Protein backbone atom coordinates (compact mmCIF):
# COMPACT_ATOMS: atom_id res chain seq x y z
CA MET A 1 0.00 0.00 0.00
CA HIS A 2 1.05 3.58 -0.63
CA PRO A 3 -1.07 5.74 1.74
CA SER A 4 0.10 8.99 0.17
CA ARG A 5 -1.24 7.88 -3.22
CA ARG A 6 -4.63 6.47 -2.29
CA PRO A 7 -6.57 9.71 -1.49
CA LYS A 8 -5.63 11.20 -4.87
CA ARG A 9 -6.60 8.00 -6.69
CA LEU A 10 -9.90 7.75 -4.84
CA ALA A 11 -10.75 11.33 -5.66
CA GLY A 12 -10.03 10.66 -9.31
CA LEU A 13 -12.13 7.51 -9.24
CA MET A 14 -15.08 9.36 -7.70
CA ALA A 15 -14.84 12.00 -10.40
CA VAL A 16 -14.90 9.37 -13.13
CA LEU A 17 -17.80 7.60 -11.40
CA GLY A 18 -19.78 10.82 -11.34
CA THR A 19 -19.14 11.44 -15.03
CA ALA A 20 -20.01 7.86 -15.95
CA LEU A 21 -23.25 8.05 -13.96
CA ALA A 22 -24.25 11.27 -15.65
CA LEU A 23 -23.55 9.79 -19.09
CA ALA A 24 -25.50 6.65 -18.25
CA LEU A 25 -28.51 8.65 -17.07
CA LEU A 26 -28.49 10.89 -20.11
CA GLY A 27 -28.12 7.88 -22.39
CA HIS A 28 -31.26 6.33 -20.91
CA GLY A 29 -33.52 9.37 -21.17
CA ILE A 30 -33.03 10.66 -17.63
CA ALA A 31 -31.94 14.19 -16.86
CA VAL A 32 -28.89 14.50 -14.63
CA GLY A 33 -31.03 16.28 -12.06
CA GLY A 34 -33.12 13.11 -11.77
CA VAL A 35 -36.19 14.31 -13.73
CA PRO A 36 -37.27 12.01 -16.55
CA ASP A 37 -37.50 13.39 -20.09
CA ASP A 38 -40.69 12.13 -21.78
CA GLU A 39 -41.58 9.35 -19.38
CA PRO A 40 -40.04 7.43 -16.49
CA ALA A 41 -37.12 5.23 -17.51
CA THR A 42 -34.80 2.94 -15.64
CA ALA A 43 -31.11 2.99 -16.54
CA ALA A 44 -29.83 -0.42 -17.50
CA ALA A 45 -27.63 -1.89 -14.80
CA SER A 46 -23.93 -2.28 -15.46
CA PRO A 47 -22.59 -5.85 -15.46
CA VAL A 48 -21.19 -5.48 -11.92
CA ALA A 49 -24.36 -3.81 -10.66
CA GLU A 50 -26.40 -6.62 -12.15
CA HIS A 51 -24.34 -9.61 -10.99
CA GLY A 52 -22.22 -8.35 -8.09
CA ARG A 53 -19.30 -10.41 -6.81
CA LEU A 54 -19.00 -13.68 -8.69
CA ASP A 55 -17.98 -17.03 -7.26
CA VAL A 56 -17.14 -20.46 -8.62
CA CYS A 57 -19.97 -22.92 -8.01
CA GLY A 58 -19.09 -26.40 -9.21
CA THR A 59 -17.73 -25.93 -12.73
CA LYS A 60 -19.52 -22.60 -13.35
CA LEU A 61 -19.05 -18.92 -12.60
CA CYS A 62 -22.12 -17.84 -10.60
CA ASP A 63 -23.76 -14.80 -9.08
CA SER A 64 -24.85 -14.53 -5.43
CA ALA A 65 -28.05 -16.47 -6.18
CA GLY A 66 -26.05 -19.39 -7.58
CA THR A 67 -27.13 -18.63 -11.15
CA PRO A 68 -24.44 -19.32 -13.80
CA VAL A 69 -23.10 -16.19 -15.49
CA GLN A 70 -21.28 -15.95 -18.80
CA LEU A 71 -19.09 -12.85 -19.22
CA ARG A 72 -18.06 -11.62 -22.70
CA GLY A 73 -15.43 -9.00 -23.40
CA MET A 74 -12.08 -7.93 -24.81
CA SER A 75 -8.41 -8.08 -23.90
CA THR A 76 -6.09 -5.16 -24.41
CA HIS A 77 -2.85 -5.73 -26.26
CA GLY A 78 0.37 -5.35 -24.26
CA LEU A 79 0.22 -2.12 -22.26
CA GLN A 80 3.86 -1.37 -23.05
CA TRP A 81 3.01 -1.18 -26.77
CA PHE A 82 -0.63 -0.14 -27.04
CA SER A 83 -1.38 1.84 -23.90
CA GLN A 84 -2.68 4.61 -26.19
CA CYS A 85 -5.60 2.36 -27.13
CA VAL A 86 -6.82 2.16 -23.51
CA ASN A 87 -8.23 5.57 -22.64
CA ASP A 88 -11.47 7.17 -21.49
CA ALA A 89 -12.99 7.16 -24.98
CA SER A 90 -12.11 3.55 -25.78
CA LEU A 91 -13.30 2.26 -22.39
CA ASP A 92 -16.54 4.25 -22.75
CA ALA A 93 -17.09 2.59 -26.13
CA LEU A 94 -16.25 -0.87 -24.80
CA ALA A 95 -18.75 -0.49 -21.95
CA THR A 96 -21.61 1.26 -23.75
CA ASP A 97 -21.33 0.64 -27.51
CA TRP A 98 -19.70 -2.81 -27.45
CA ARG A 99 -21.69 -3.67 -24.27
CA ALA A 100 -18.84 -5.73 -22.84
CA ASP A 101 -19.03 -7.24 -19.36
CA ILE A 102 -15.30 -7.49 -18.83
CA VAL A 103 -11.94 -6.13 -19.93
CA ARG A 104 -8.65 -7.98 -19.62
CA LEU A 105 -5.71 -5.67 -18.86
CA SER A 106 -2.73 -7.37 -20.48
CA MET A 107 0.56 -6.49 -18.78
CA TYR A 108 3.57 -8.24 -20.30
CA ILE A 109 6.37 -9.08 -17.89
CA GLN A 110 9.29 -9.22 -20.31
CA GLU A 111 9.53 -7.52 -23.74
CA GLY A 112 9.61 -4.03 -22.29
CA GLY A 113 6.89 -4.67 -19.73
CA TYR A 114 6.73 -4.91 -15.93
CA GLU A 115 10.31 -6.15 -15.57
CA ASP A 116 11.59 -2.80 -16.92
CA ASP A 117 9.45 -0.57 -14.68
CA PRO A 118 7.65 -2.40 -11.85
CA ALA A 119 6.42 0.74 -10.10
CA GLY A 120 5.25 2.40 -13.30
CA PHE A 121 3.33 -0.60 -14.60
CA THR A 122 1.79 -1.27 -11.20
CA GLU A 123 0.56 2.31 -11.03
CA ARG A 124 -0.77 2.09 -14.58
CA MET A 125 -2.66 -1.09 -13.65
CA HIS A 126 -4.15 0.60 -10.57
CA GLY A 127 -5.44 3.45 -12.72
CA LEU A 128 -6.92 1.21 -15.41
CA ILE A 129 -8.66 -0.96 -12.81
CA ASP A 130 -10.25 2.21 -11.44
CA ASP A 131 -11.26 3.31 -14.94
CA ALA A 132 -12.96 0.00 -15.75
CA THR A 133 -14.57 -0.13 -12.30
CA ALA A 134 -16.08 3.32 -12.85
CA ARG A 135 -17.78 1.95 -15.97
CA GLY A 136 -19.27 -1.04 -14.18
CA MET A 137 -17.13 -3.67 -15.90
CA TYR A 138 -15.34 -6.69 -14.48
CA VAL A 139 -11.54 -6.64 -14.81
CA ILE A 140 -8.99 -9.38 -15.42
CA VAL A 141 -5.54 -8.38 -14.15
CA ASP A 142 -3.38 -10.33 -16.60
CA TRP A 143 0.19 -11.26 -15.58
CA HIS A 144 1.19 -11.79 -19.20
CA MET A 145 4.19 -14.07 -18.81
CA LEU A 146 5.18 -15.73 -22.07
CA ASP A 147 8.94 -16.05 -22.52
CA PRO A 148 10.51 -17.52 -20.36
CA GLY A 149 7.65 -20.00 -20.23
CA ASP A 150 8.33 -21.30 -16.71
CA PRO A 151 6.19 -19.11 -14.42
CA HIS A 152 8.65 -19.67 -11.57
CA TYR A 153 11.10 -17.42 -13.43
CA ASN A 154 8.99 -14.42 -12.40
CA LEU A 155 7.66 -15.81 -9.11
CA GLU A 156 9.06 -13.19 -6.74
CA ALA A 157 8.00 -10.35 -9.03
CA ALA A 158 4.51 -11.88 -9.29
CA LYS A 159 4.24 -12.09 -5.51
CA THR A 160 5.13 -8.41 -5.20
CA PHE A 161 2.75 -7.32 -7.94
CA PHE A 162 -0.28 -9.37 -6.92
CA GLY A 163 0.28 -8.48 -3.29
CA GLU A 164 0.01 -4.80 -4.19
CA ILE A 165 -2.97 -5.27 -6.50
CA ALA A 166 -4.93 -7.40 -4.03
CA ALA A 167 -4.14 -5.06 -1.13
CA GLU A 168 -5.51 -2.10 -3.11
CA HIS A 169 -8.48 -3.70 -4.90
CA GLY A 170 -9.26 -6.91 -3.02
CA GLY A 171 -12.37 -5.42 -1.45
CA GLN A 172 -13.98 -4.79 -4.85
CA ASP A 173 -16.54 -7.06 -6.48
CA ASN A 174 -15.13 -6.98 -10.01
CA ILE A 175 -11.52 -8.22 -9.90
CA PHE A 176 -10.16 -11.42 -11.47
CA TYR A 177 -6.50 -12.33 -11.00
CA GLU A 178 -4.92 -14.11 -13.99
CA VAL A 179 -1.64 -15.19 -12.47
CA ALA A 180 0.11 -16.86 -15.44
CA ASN A 181 -0.91 -16.05 -18.99
CA GLU A 182 0.63 -18.88 -21.03
CA PRO A 183 3.03 -21.24 -19.28
CA ASN A 184 5.03 -23.24 -21.81
CA GLY A 185 8.01 -25.56 -21.93
CA VAL A 186 7.22 -26.96 -18.46
CA GLU A 187 4.77 -29.64 -17.35
CA TRP A 188 1.62 -29.23 -15.29
CA PRO A 189 3.14 -30.24 -11.89
CA ARG A 190 5.68 -27.40 -12.23
CA ILE A 191 2.95 -24.92 -13.18
CA LYS A 192 0.73 -26.17 -10.35
CA SER A 193 3.52 -25.56 -7.82
CA TYR A 194 3.72 -21.92 -9.00
CA HIS A 195 -0.02 -21.49 -8.48
CA GLU A 196 0.32 -22.94 -4.99
CA GLU A 197 2.88 -20.24 -4.21
CA ILE A 198 0.94 -17.26 -5.63
CA ILE A 199 -2.60 -18.03 -4.42
CA PRO A 200 -1.78 -17.43 -0.71
CA VAL A 201 -0.29 -14.03 -1.57
CA ILE A 202 -3.61 -12.91 -3.04
CA ARG A 203 -5.68 -14.56 -0.33
CA ARG A 204 -3.93 -12.52 2.37
CA HIS A 205 -5.80 -9.50 1.01
CA ASP A 206 -8.71 -10.93 -0.96
CA SER A 207 -10.29 -14.00 0.60
CA ASP A 208 -12.67 -14.84 -2.23
CA GLY A 209 -11.75 -13.08 -5.47
CA VAL A 210 -11.67 -15.45 -8.45
CA ILE A 211 -8.13 -16.49 -9.40
CA LEU A 212 -7.49 -17.68 -12.95
CA LEU A 213 -4.79 -20.34 -13.29
CA GLY A 214 -2.76 -20.82 -16.47
CA THR A 215 -2.48 -24.34 -17.86
CA ALA A 216 0.24 -26.19 -19.74
CA ASP A 217 1.41 -25.52 -23.29
CA TRP A 218 0.26 -21.93 -23.74
CA SER A 219 -2.88 -22.47 -21.63
CA SER A 220 -4.22 -25.13 -23.97
CA LEU A 221 -4.94 -27.55 -21.10
CA GLY A 222 -1.86 -29.36 -22.38
CA VAL A 223 -3.29 -30.11 -25.85
CA SER A 224 -0.55 -28.22 -27.73
CA GLY A 225 2.02 -30.42 -25.99
CA GLY A 226 0.31 -33.71 -26.79
CA SER A 227 -1.58 -34.06 -23.52
CA ASP A 228 -5.14 -33.05 -22.64
CA GLU A 229 -7.37 -31.72 -19.88
CA GLN A 230 -7.09 -34.93 -17.86
CA GLU A 231 -3.75 -33.86 -16.39
CA VAL A 232 -5.55 -31.03 -14.57
CA VAL A 233 -8.67 -33.07 -13.80
CA ASP A 234 -6.53 -35.75 -12.15
CA ASP A 235 -4.27 -33.31 -10.28
CA PRO A 236 -6.18 -30.08 -9.54
CA VAL A 237 -4.97 -27.20 -7.41
CA ASP A 238 -6.40 -27.49 -3.89
CA ALA A 239 -7.95 -24.04 -3.48
CA SER A 240 -11.36 -22.39 -3.62
CA ASN A 241 -12.70 -19.87 -6.11
CA ILE A 242 -10.24 -20.77 -8.84
CA MET A 243 -10.73 -21.40 -12.55
CA TYR A 244 -8.40 -22.84 -15.18
CA THR A 245 -7.64 -20.88 -18.33
CA PHE A 246 -7.93 -22.08 -21.91
CA HIS A 247 -6.71 -20.19 -25.00
CA PHE A 248 -7.48 -20.97 -28.63
CA TYR A 249 -7.06 -19.48 -32.09
CA ALA A 250 -9.75 -20.89 -34.33
CA ALA A 251 -7.82 -21.10 -37.60
CA SER A 252 -5.10 -23.18 -35.91
CA HIS A 253 -6.82 -25.01 -33.07
CA ARG A 254 -9.41 -27.38 -34.45
CA GLU A 255 -11.38 -30.43 -33.32
CA GLU A 256 -8.86 -31.74 -30.79
CA TYR A 257 -8.89 -28.44 -28.89
CA LEU A 258 -12.65 -28.00 -29.14
CA GLY A 259 -13.11 -31.50 -27.79
CA ALA A 260 -10.76 -30.85 -24.87
CA LEU A 261 -12.65 -27.71 -23.91
CA SER A 262 -15.97 -29.54 -24.11
CA ARG A 263 -14.76 -32.37 -21.87
CA ALA A 264 -13.03 -30.04 -19.44
CA ALA A 265 -16.24 -28.05 -18.93
CA ASP A 266 -17.83 -31.17 -17.43
CA SER A 267 -15.11 -31.61 -14.79
CA ILE A 268 -13.36 -28.33 -13.92
CA PRO A 269 -14.22 -24.61 -13.99
CA VAL A 270 -12.79 -23.05 -17.17
CA PHE A 271 -12.46 -19.43 -18.29
CA VAL A 272 -11.35 -18.66 -21.88
CA THR A 273 -9.21 -15.61 -21.15
CA GLU A 274 -7.86 -15.30 -24.70
CA PHE A 275 -8.96 -16.40 -28.16
CA GLY A 276 -8.82 -15.23 -31.74
CA THR A 277 -10.55 -15.98 -35.00
CA GLN A 278 -7.19 -16.25 -36.83
CA ASP A 279 -4.10 -18.45 -36.51
CA TYR A 280 -2.17 -18.93 -33.27
CA ALA A 281 -0.13 -15.77 -33.92
CA GLY A 282 -3.27 -13.64 -34.24
CA GLU A 283 -2.63 -13.21 -37.94
CA GLY A 284 -3.98 -14.40 -41.28
CA ALA A 285 -7.50 -15.12 -42.46
CA ASN A 286 -10.40 -15.28 -40.04
CA ASP A 287 -12.17 -18.59 -39.52
CA PHE A 288 -15.55 -17.37 -38.30
CA ALA A 289 -17.24 -20.74 -38.74
CA MET A 290 -14.84 -22.55 -36.39
CA SER A 291 -14.91 -19.58 -34.02
CA GLN A 292 -18.70 -19.79 -33.90
CA ARG A 293 -18.54 -23.46 -32.98
CA TYR A 294 -16.38 -22.52 -30.00
CA LEU A 295 -18.76 -19.71 -29.05
CA ASP A 296 -21.75 -22.03 -29.30
CA LEU A 297 -20.05 -24.48 -26.95
CA MET A 298 -19.10 -21.73 -24.51
CA GLU A 299 -22.65 -20.41 -24.49
CA SER A 300 -24.12 -23.85 -23.82
CA GLU A 301 -21.63 -24.46 -20.98
CA ASP A 302 -21.71 -20.92 -19.52
CA ILE A 303 -17.99 -20.49 -20.19
CA SER A 304 -16.91 -16.85 -20.02
CA TRP A 305 -14.62 -15.51 -22.74
CA VAL A 306 -12.35 -12.65 -23.72
CA ASN A 307 -11.18 -11.94 -27.27
CA TRP A 308 -7.66 -10.84 -28.31
CA ASN A 309 -7.27 -7.85 -28.89
CA PHE A 310 -8.59 -4.30 -28.38
CA SER A 311 -5.90 -2.38 -30.27
CA ASP A 312 -4.93 -0.99 -33.68
CA ASP A 313 -2.02 -3.37 -34.25
CA HIS A 314 -1.49 -4.25 -37.92
CA ARG A 315 -2.31 -7.94 -37.42
CA SER A 316 -5.77 -9.20 -38.34
CA GLY A 317 -6.49 -10.12 -34.71
CA ALA A 318 -6.49 -6.48 -33.59
CA VAL A 319 -10.01 -5.13 -33.88
CA PHE A 320 -9.18 -1.56 -35.02
CA GLU A 321 -7.58 -0.32 -38.22
CA PRO A 322 -4.01 1.00 -37.77
CA GLY A 323 -4.01 4.66 -36.78
CA THR A 324 -7.27 4.50 -34.81
CA CYS A 325 -5.57 5.05 -31.44
CA PRO A 326 -5.54 7.30 -29.51
CA ASP A 327 -8.25 9.49 -31.04
CA GLY A 328 -10.75 6.87 -32.24
CA PRO A 329 -13.56 6.67 -32.99
CA TYR A 330 -13.99 3.44 -31.04
CA SER A 331 -17.80 3.22 -31.24
CA GLY A 332 -19.63 1.92 -34.30
CA THR A 333 -17.85 0.09 -37.10
CA THR A 334 -16.12 2.73 -39.22
CA ARG A 335 -12.65 1.90 -37.84
CA LEU A 336 -13.11 -1.83 -37.33
CA LYS A 337 -11.40 -4.63 -39.22
CA GLU A 338 -13.41 -7.67 -40.28
CA ALA A 339 -12.62 -9.48 -37.02
CA GLY A 340 -13.55 -6.38 -35.06
CA GLU A 341 -17.00 -6.16 -36.63
CA TRP A 342 -17.58 -9.86 -36.02
CA ILE A 343 -16.54 -9.93 -32.38
CA ARG A 344 -18.33 -6.67 -31.53
CA ASP A 345 -21.51 -8.26 -32.85
CA ARG A 346 -20.89 -11.40 -30.78
CA ILE A 347 -20.42 -9.36 -27.59
CA ARG A 348 -23.53 -7.28 -28.26
CA GLU A 349 -25.69 -10.31 -29.11
CA ASP A 350 -28.90 -10.45 -27.04
CA ARG A 351 -28.04 -7.19 -25.31
CA GLY A 352 -30.57 -4.89 -26.96
CA SER A 353 -30.64 -3.34 -30.41
CA ASP A 354 -29.98 0.08 -31.85
CA ASP A 355 -32.60 2.46 -33.23
CA PRO A 356 -33.64 0.98 -36.59
CA GLY A 357 -33.63 4.45 -38.22
CA GLU A 358 -35.09 4.97 -41.69
CA PRO A 359 -36.69 2.02 -43.55
CA PRO A 360 -34.32 0.27 -45.98
CA THR A 361 -34.30 1.10 -49.68
CA GLY A 362 -32.85 -0.48 -52.85
CA GLU A 363 -32.88 -3.81 -54.68
CA CYS A 364 -30.54 -6.77 -54.29
CA THR A 365 -29.66 -10.36 -55.08
CA ALA A 366 -28.06 -12.94 -52.78
CA GLU A 367 -26.29 -16.28 -52.91
CA ILE A 368 -25.22 -19.02 -50.46
CA THR A 369 -21.67 -20.43 -50.65
CA VAL A 370 -20.68 -23.62 -48.80
CA VAL A 371 -17.51 -22.85 -46.81
CA ASP A 372 -16.76 -26.04 -44.85
CA GLU A 373 -18.32 -29.46 -44.20
CA TRP A 374 -18.00 -32.13 -41.49
CA SER A 375 -19.87 -35.31 -40.57
CA SER A 376 -22.81 -33.68 -38.79
CA GLY A 377 -23.07 -30.32 -40.49
CA TRP A 378 -21.51 -27.53 -42.49
CA SER A 379 -20.95 -23.78 -42.62
CA GLY A 380 -21.96 -21.27 -45.25
CA ASP A 381 -21.60 -17.61 -46.19
CA VAL A 382 -24.32 -15.47 -47.74
CA SER A 383 -23.25 -12.74 -50.16
CA VAL A 384 -25.53 -9.82 -51.03
CA THR A 385 -25.21 -7.73 -54.20
CA ALA A 386 -26.82 -4.29 -54.47
CA GLY A 387 -28.76 -3.40 -57.61
CA GLU A 388 -28.51 -0.18 -59.61
CA ASP A 389 -29.10 1.95 -56.51
CA ASN A 390 -27.36 2.04 -53.14
CA LEU A 391 -28.82 -0.48 -50.68
CA THR A 392 -29.65 0.78 -47.17
CA GLY A 393 -30.74 -2.52 -45.67
CA TRP A 394 -31.52 -6.06 -46.79
CA THR A 395 -33.61 -9.12 -45.95
CA VAL A 396 -32.99 -12.52 -47.52
CA THR A 397 -35.10 -15.69 -47.49
CA TRP A 398 -34.66 -19.25 -48.67
CA ASP A 399 -36.21 -22.69 -48.21
CA TRP A 400 -34.18 -25.71 -47.11
CA PRO A 401 -34.57 -28.64 -49.54
CA ASP A 402 -33.94 -31.57 -47.19
CA GLY A 403 -34.54 -30.84 -43.49
CA GLN A 404 -31.44 -28.70 -42.86
CA ALA A 405 -31.51 -26.29 -39.89
CA VAL A 406 -29.36 -23.35 -38.82
CA SER A 407 -27.65 -24.05 -35.49
CA SER A 408 -25.82 -20.71 -35.20
CA HIS A 409 -25.23 -17.56 -37.22
CA TRP A 410 -23.41 -14.22 -37.14
CA ASN A 411 -23.84 -10.71 -38.53
CA ALA A 412 -27.59 -11.10 -39.20
CA ASP A 413 -30.93 -11.25 -37.39
CA LEU A 414 -32.07 -14.72 -38.43
CA SER A 415 -35.18 -16.83 -37.81
CA GLU A 416 -36.57 -20.11 -39.12
CA SER A 417 -40.18 -21.15 -39.64
CA GLY A 418 -40.44 -24.72 -40.86
CA SER A 419 -38.06 -24.99 -43.80
CA THR A 420 -38.03 -21.21 -44.47
CA VAL A 421 -35.11 -19.09 -43.31
CA THR A 422 -35.35 -15.28 -43.04
CA ALA A 423 -32.32 -13.11 -42.27
CA SER A 424 -31.86 -9.33 -42.13
CA ASP A 425 -28.92 -6.98 -41.67
CA VAL A 426 -27.95 -5.85 -38.17
CA GLY A 427 -27.53 -2.16 -38.98
CA TRP A 428 -23.84 -1.71 -39.54
CA ASN A 429 -23.77 -4.14 -42.51
CA GLY A 430 -26.95 -2.94 -44.21
CA ASP A 431 -25.46 -0.26 -46.46
CA ILE A 432 -24.08 -1.62 -49.77
CA ALA A 433 -23.02 0.59 -52.65
CA ALA A 434 -24.76 0.18 -56.01
CA GLY A 435 -23.41 -2.86 -57.87
CA GLU A 436 -21.20 -3.94 -54.93
CA THR A 437 -21.14 -7.50 -53.56
CA VAL A 438 -20.34 -8.11 -49.88
CA ASN A 439 -20.00 -11.22 -47.74
CA ALA A 440 -22.98 -10.21 -45.59
CA PHE A 441 -23.24 -12.94 -42.96
CA GLY A 442 -22.48 -16.55 -42.14
CA PHE A 443 -24.04 -19.55 -40.46
CA VAL A 444 -23.50 -23.11 -39.26
CA ALA A 445 -26.18 -25.64 -40.22
CA ASP A 446 -27.05 -29.23 -39.35
CA GLY A 447 -27.56 -31.78 -42.14
CA ASP A 448 -26.15 -32.02 -45.63
CA SER A 449 -24.75 -28.93 -47.31
CA ALA A 450 -27.02 -27.12 -49.75
CA ALA A 451 -27.13 -23.90 -51.73
CA PRO A 452 -30.83 -23.20 -52.43
CA THR A 453 -32.04 -20.14 -54.34
CA VAL A 454 -32.02 -17.02 -52.16
CA GLU A 455 -34.53 -14.18 -52.49
CA CYS A 456 -33.28 -10.71 -51.50
CA GLY A 457 -35.10 -7.44 -50.91
CA ALA A 458 -34.77 -4.17 -49.05
């Protein structure tokens, strides 16, 4: 603790809280003075206000009533490189426009990170925790060890850091401690012994905050090293309110990894604290179909997740176009890459809709393309082509020929009635220039692949 610092930081936090409250009230039709505009309205609760302190119950993350909770959010990139992307404007957008429950604050240890300036990075983490707290979000404090891969290499530094963080923030309801990002090159017993050293340090100040434990082979539950989740299931850490982390990159990590996550969810509490829609380096083409299969599993098992990453790095895994930070804009889709648009839509799913605005205009055609197939189903993309005039919104319909059914979809509002499928744009992807063809949305379907005729209209 640093008593001389805390009053100043608390004053700053209260100022941010006041501003955030005023913005929230105004955004929900309530005057700051407390008088409703046209009619009484109730401001939507923030994630922390809605769920409060979370605990591990069995294999799930649960609220105080014992109801499973799934959190969805974003991870920053390394704070030593992309600190300019984590500011008041970007956090406002993440909380209100993206509608995220949680932000992961990624602090590298080596590579110009904590090791070079322990006091500076600790103070930066304190400030960002306060900033996210003021916006009602949960926070993962990520000790982003990577190389060296043995977490014991940084053990004493980790004890110092987490001791300071827990002493300052352990009384809050929104803190998760991720104590080892991606252990690698060492086996699970060695990693487990590190966790057994660091957990008591946190528990001295925070008796029940959720602690997230890295697993073997880059937090793959050992899969990337030829093992699987059973090594943790058979030899778990003996502590309460802990969860095990799992990371995946959909274009690289296929059926074997998906299967391990599915099996693990039946035996141990798992939190996916990092994933991408690209390859394991966060680069290359996006595999949205495989990503959606992971998201479907995580939804069915109430597994919380955080996507990598909320920055303007040049790689395809960064959600913003280069040059977006620090000035933005961070809301809407004008500065988002393809992966950014997709993951923003996934976070916002089932969390309300925007004003529909003016009715759509224009004419269009559409076509289904089969992207991938497997034994029980397949994935497809639907392209939409605008006619002679600009298109300001679209709705497509088709009839399945042989009992197919959509099991999941992205970037469209989609419904099925019997064999008929109807899908419409979700706002940001409704505008298509005259004569232009866009890959409008995608889906995963059960049954044999098919490409029936698609009707399209505004």
